[in-house]
Amino acid sequence: MYIYKRMTVSTMYKQGKEIIISFCLCDVFFNGQFNCVSVQITI
């Protein structure tokens, strides 16, 4: 399984007084499968 594309998508939005940053790491494989990991950080 070779990874041929790795994407990072980060979004940042404000909710009340808190700032929420969410990162999505996506690995796309040659056979069309993809694996995504989502991380949320609240400041």
PDB file of N, CA and C in Angstrom:
ATOM      1  N   MET A   1       0.851  -1.199   0.000  1.00  0.00           N
ATOM      2  CA  MET A   1       0.000   0.000   0.000  1.00  0.00           C
ATOM      3  C   MET A   1       0.883   1.244   0.000  1.00  0.00           C
ATOM      4  N   TYR A   2       0.862   1.927  -1.089  1.00  0.00           N
ATOM      5  CA  TYR A   2       1.646   3.151  -1.178  1.00  0.00           C
ATOM      6  C   TYR A   2       0.742   4.364  -1.034  1.00  0.00           C
ATOM      7  N   ILE A   3       1.193   5.305  -0.228  1.00  0.00           N
ATOM      8  CA  ILE A   3       0.462   6.571  -0.122  1.00  0.00           C
ATOM      9  C   ILE A   3       0.957   7.471  -1.252  1.00  0.00           C
ATOM     10  N   TYR A   4       0.040   7.984  -2.064  1.00  0.00           N
ATOM     11  CA  TYR A   4       0.492   8.885  -3.114  1.00  0.00           C
ATOM     12  C   TYR A   4       0.015  10.301  -2.888  1.00  0.00           C
ATOM     13  N   LYS A   5      -0.831  10.507  -1.911  1.00  0.00           N
ATOM     14  CA  LYS A   5      -1.244  11.873  -1.640  1.00  0.00           C
ATOM     15  C   LYS A   5      -1.543  12.012  -0.158  1.00  0.00           C
ATOM     16  N   ARG A   6      -1.034  13.058   0.447  1.00  0.00           N
ATOM     17  CA  ARG A   6      -1.328  13.320   1.850  1.00  0.00           C
ATOM     18  C   ARG A   6      -1.828  14.759   1.952  1.00  0.00           C
ATOM     19  N   MET A   7      -3.045  14.888   2.451  1.00  0.00           N
ATOM     20  CA  MET A   7      -3.657  16.206   2.506  1.00  0.00           C
ATOM     21  C   MET A   7      -3.864  16.616   3.952  1.00  0.00           C
ATOM     22  N   THR A   8      -3.660  17.892   4.210  1.00  0.00           N
ATOM     23  CA  THR A   8      -3.957  18.441   5.525  1.00  0.00           C
ATOM     24  C   THR A   8      -4.949  19.572   5.355  1.00  0.00           C
ATOM     25  N   VAL A   9      -6.064  19.445   6.009  1.00  0.00           N
ATOM     26  CA  VAL A   9      -7.080  20.492   5.960  1.00  0.00           C
ATOM     27  C   VAL A   9      -7.262  21.000   7.385  1.00  0.00           C
ATOM     28  N   SER A  10      -7.069  22.303   7.565  1.00  0.00           N
ATOM     29  CA  SER A  10      -7.266  22.848   8.902  1.00  0.00           C
ATOM     30  C   SER A  10      -8.305  23.959   8.856  1.00  0.00           C
ATOM     31  N   THR A  11      -9.244  23.884   9.775  1.00  0.00           N
ATOM     32  CA  THR A  11     -10.255  24.928   9.865  1.00  0.00           C
ATOM     33  C   THR A  11     -10.228  25.499  11.276  1.00  0.00           C
ATOM     34  N   MET A  12     -10.526  26.797  11.367  1.00  0.00           N
ATOM     35  CA  MET A  12     -10.482  27.467  12.660  1.00  0.00           C
ATOM     36  C   MET A  12     -11.733  28.312  12.772  1.00  0.00           C
ATOM     37  N   TYR A  13     -12.476  28.114  13.844  1.00  0.00           N
ATOM     38  CA  TYR A  13     -13.672  28.922  14.014  1.00  0.00           C
ATOM     39  C   TYR A  13     -13.881  29.255  15.478  1.00  0.00           C
ATOM     40  N   LYS A  14     -14.644  30.310  15.698  1.00  0.00           N
ATOM     41  CA  LYS A  14     -14.862  30.794  17.044  1.00  0.00           C
ATOM     42  C   LYS A  14     -16.248  30.405  17.512  1.00  0.00           C
ATOM     43  N   GLN A  15     -16.326  29.913  18.737  1.00  0.00           N
ATOM     44  CA  GLN A  15     -17.608  29.527  19.302  1.00  0.00           C
ATOM     45  C   GLN A  15     -17.682  30.148  20.693  1.00  0.00           C
ATOM     46  N   GLY A  16     -18.396  31.257  20.779  1.00  0.00           N
ATOM     47  CA  GLY A  16     -18.432  31.983  22.040  1.00  0.00           C
ATOM     48  C   GLY A  16     -17.076  32.607  22.312  1.00  0.00           C
ATOM     49  N   LYS A  17     -16.483  32.270  23.453  1.00  0.00           N
ATOM     50  CA  LYS A  17     -15.156  32.779  23.782  1.00  0.00           C
ATOM     51  C   LYS A  17     -14.066  31.797  23.412  1.00  0.00           C
ATOM     52  N   GLU A  18     -14.453  30.615  22.953  1.00  0.00           N
ATOM     53  CA  GLU A  18     -13.469  29.591  22.639  1.00  0.00           C
ATOM     54  C   GLU A  18     -13.140  29.592  21.153  1.00  0.00           C
ATOM     55  N   ILE A  19     -11.892  29.297  20.866  1.00  0.00           N
ATOM     56  CA  ILE A  19     -11.466  29.138  19.476  1.00  0.00           C
ATOM     57  C   ILE A  19     -11.209  27.652  19.250  1.00  0.00           C
ATOM     58  N   ILE A  20     -11.838  27.118  18.252  1.00  0.00           N
ATOM     59  CA  ILE A  20     -11.698  25.690  17.957  1.00  0.00           C
ATOM     60  C   ILE A  20     -10.936  25.526  16.647  1.00  0.00           C
ATOM     61  N   ILE A  21      -9.854  24.770  16.713  1.00  0.00           N
ATOM     62  CA  ILE A  21      -9.068  24.464  15.517  1.00  0.00           C
ATOM     63  C   ILE A  21      -9.212  22.978  15.251  1.00  0.00           C
ATOM     64  N   SER A  22      -9.625  22.637  14.051  1.00  0.00           N
ATOM     65  CA  SER A  22      -9.708  21.218  13.715  1.00  0.00           C
ATOM     66  C   SER A  22      -8.822  20.907  12.513  1.00  0.00           C
ATOM     67  N   PHE A  23      -8.033  19.867  12.673  1.00  0.00           N
ATOM     68  CA  PHE A  23      -7.145  19.396  11.619  1.00  0.00           C
ATOM     69  C   PHE A  23      -7.675  18.093  11.079  1.00  0.00           C
ATOM     70  N   CYS A  24      -7.634  17.940   9.772  1.00  0.00           N
ATOM     71  CA  CYS A  24      -7.952  16.652   9.163  1.00  0.00           C
ATOM     72  C   CYS A  24      -6.738  16.214   8.345  1.00  0.00           C
ATOM     73  N   LEU A  25      -6.203  15.065   8.683  1.00  0.00           N
ATOM     74  CA  LEU A  25      -5.107  14.493   7.916  1.00  0.00           C
ATOM     75  C   LEU A  25      -5.666  13.351   7.081  1.00  0.00           C
ATOM     76  N   CYS A  26      -5.520  13.447   5.777  1.00  0.00           N
ATOM     77  CA  CYS A  26      -6.039  12.397   4.898  1.00  0.00           C
ATOM     78  C   CYS A  26      -4.907  11.786   4.093  1.00  0.00           C
ATOM     79  N   ASP A  27      -4.834  10.485   4.133  1.00  0.00           N
ATOM     80  CA  ASP A  27      -3.900   9.738   3.287  1.00  0.00           C
ATOM     81  C   ASP A  27      -4.706   9.044   2.196  1.00  0.00           C
ATOM     82  N   VAL A  28      -4.327   9.293   0.955  1.00  0.00           N
ATOM     83  CA  VAL A  28      -5.019   8.655  -0.165  1.00  0.00           C
ATOM     84  C   VAL A  28      -4.079   7.611  -0.756  1.00  0.00           C
ATOM     85  N   PHE A  29      -4.598   6.401  -0.942  1.00  0.00           N
ATOM     86  CA  PHE A  29      -3.779   5.302  -1.437  1.00  0.00           C
ATOM     87  C   PHE A  29      -4.026   5.063  -2.927  1.00  0.00           C
ATOM     88  N   PHE A  30      -3.111   4.318  -3.531  1.00  0.00           N
ATOM     89  CA  PHE A  30      -3.178   4.086  -4.972  1.00  0.00           C
ATOM     90  C   PHE A  30      -4.440   3.348  -5.401  1.00  0.00           C
ATOM     91  N   ASN A  31      -4.984   2.513  -4.527  1.00  0.00           N
ATOM     92  CA  ASN A  31      -6.155   1.732  -4.933  1.00  0.00           C
ATOM     93  C   ASN A  31      -7.462   2.500  -4.711  1.00  0.00           C
ATOM     94  N   GLY A  32      -7.354   3.772  -4.343  1.00  0.00           N
ATOM     95  CA  GLY A  32      -8.562   4.581  -4.206  1.00  0.00           C
ATOM     96  C   GLY A  32      -9.075   4.692  -2.774  1.00  0.00           C
ATOM     97  N   GLN A  33      -8.514   3.888  -1.879  1.00  0.00           N
ATOM     98  CA  GLN A  33      -8.925   3.976  -0.489  1.00  0.00           C
ATOM     99  C   GLN A  33      -8.313   5.207   0.156  1.00  0.00           C
ATOM    100  N   PHE A  34      -9.003   5.731   1.151  1.00  0.00           N
ATOM    101  CA  PHE A  34      -8.388   6.819   1.896  1.00  0.00           C
ATOM    102  C   PHE A  34      -8.661   6.692   3.381  1.00  0.00           C
ATOM    103  N   ASN A  35      -7.768   7.258   4.154  1.00  0.00           N
ATOM    104  CA  ASN A  35      -7.808   7.148   5.603  1.00  0.00           C
ATOM    105  C   ASN A  35      -7.697   8.562   6.164  1.00  0.00           C
ATOM    106  N   CYS A  36      -8.678   8.965   6.963  1.00  0.00           N
ATOM    107  CA  CYS A  36      -8.668  10.314   7.506  1.00  0.00           C
ATOM    108  C   CYS A  36      -8.634  10.286   9.024  1.00  0.00           C
ATOM    109  N   VAL A  37      -7.822  11.169   9.582  1.00  0.00           N
ATOM    110  CA  VAL A  37      -7.747  11.329  11.023  1.00  0.00           C
ATOM    111  C   VAL A  37      -8.108  12.766  11.344  1.00  0.00           C
ATOM    112  N   SER A  38      -9.030  12.941  12.259  1.00  0.00           N
ATOM    113  CA  SER A  38      -9.476  14.281  12.617  1.00  0.00           C
ATOM    114  C   SER A  38      -9.074  14.601  14.048  1.00  0.00           C
ATOM    115  N   VAL A  39      -8.481  15.773  14.236  1.00  0.00           N
ATOM    116  CA  VAL A  39      -8.054  16.217  15.556  1.00  0.00           C
ATOM    117  C   VAL A  39      -8.662  17.584  15.831  1.00  0.00           C
ATOM    118  N   GLN A  40      -9.238  17.749  17.012  1.00  0.00           N
ATOM    119  CA  GLN A  40      -9.795  19.045  17.386  1.00  0.00           C
ATOM    120  C   GLN A  40      -9.076  19.595  18.604  1.00  0.00           C
ATOM    121  N   ILE A  41      -8.699  20.866  18.516  1.00  0.00           N
ATOM    122  CA  ILE A  41      -8.044  21.544  19.630  1.00  0.00           C
ATOM    123  C   ILE A  41      -8.897  22.739  20.018  1.00  0.00           C
ATOM    124  N   THR A  42      -9.192  22.865  21.289  1.00  0.00           N
ATOM    125  CA  THR A  42      -9.957  24.014  21.776  1.00  0.00           C
ATOM    126  C   THR A  42      -9.041  24.906  22.598  1.00  0.00           C
ATOM    127  N   ILE A  43      -9.025  26.177  22.243  1.00  0.00           N
ATOM    128  CA  ILE A  43      -8.197  27.138  22.969  1.00  0.00           C
ATOM    129  C   ILE A  43      -9.102  27.983  23.854  1.00  0.00           C
TER     130      ILE A  43
END
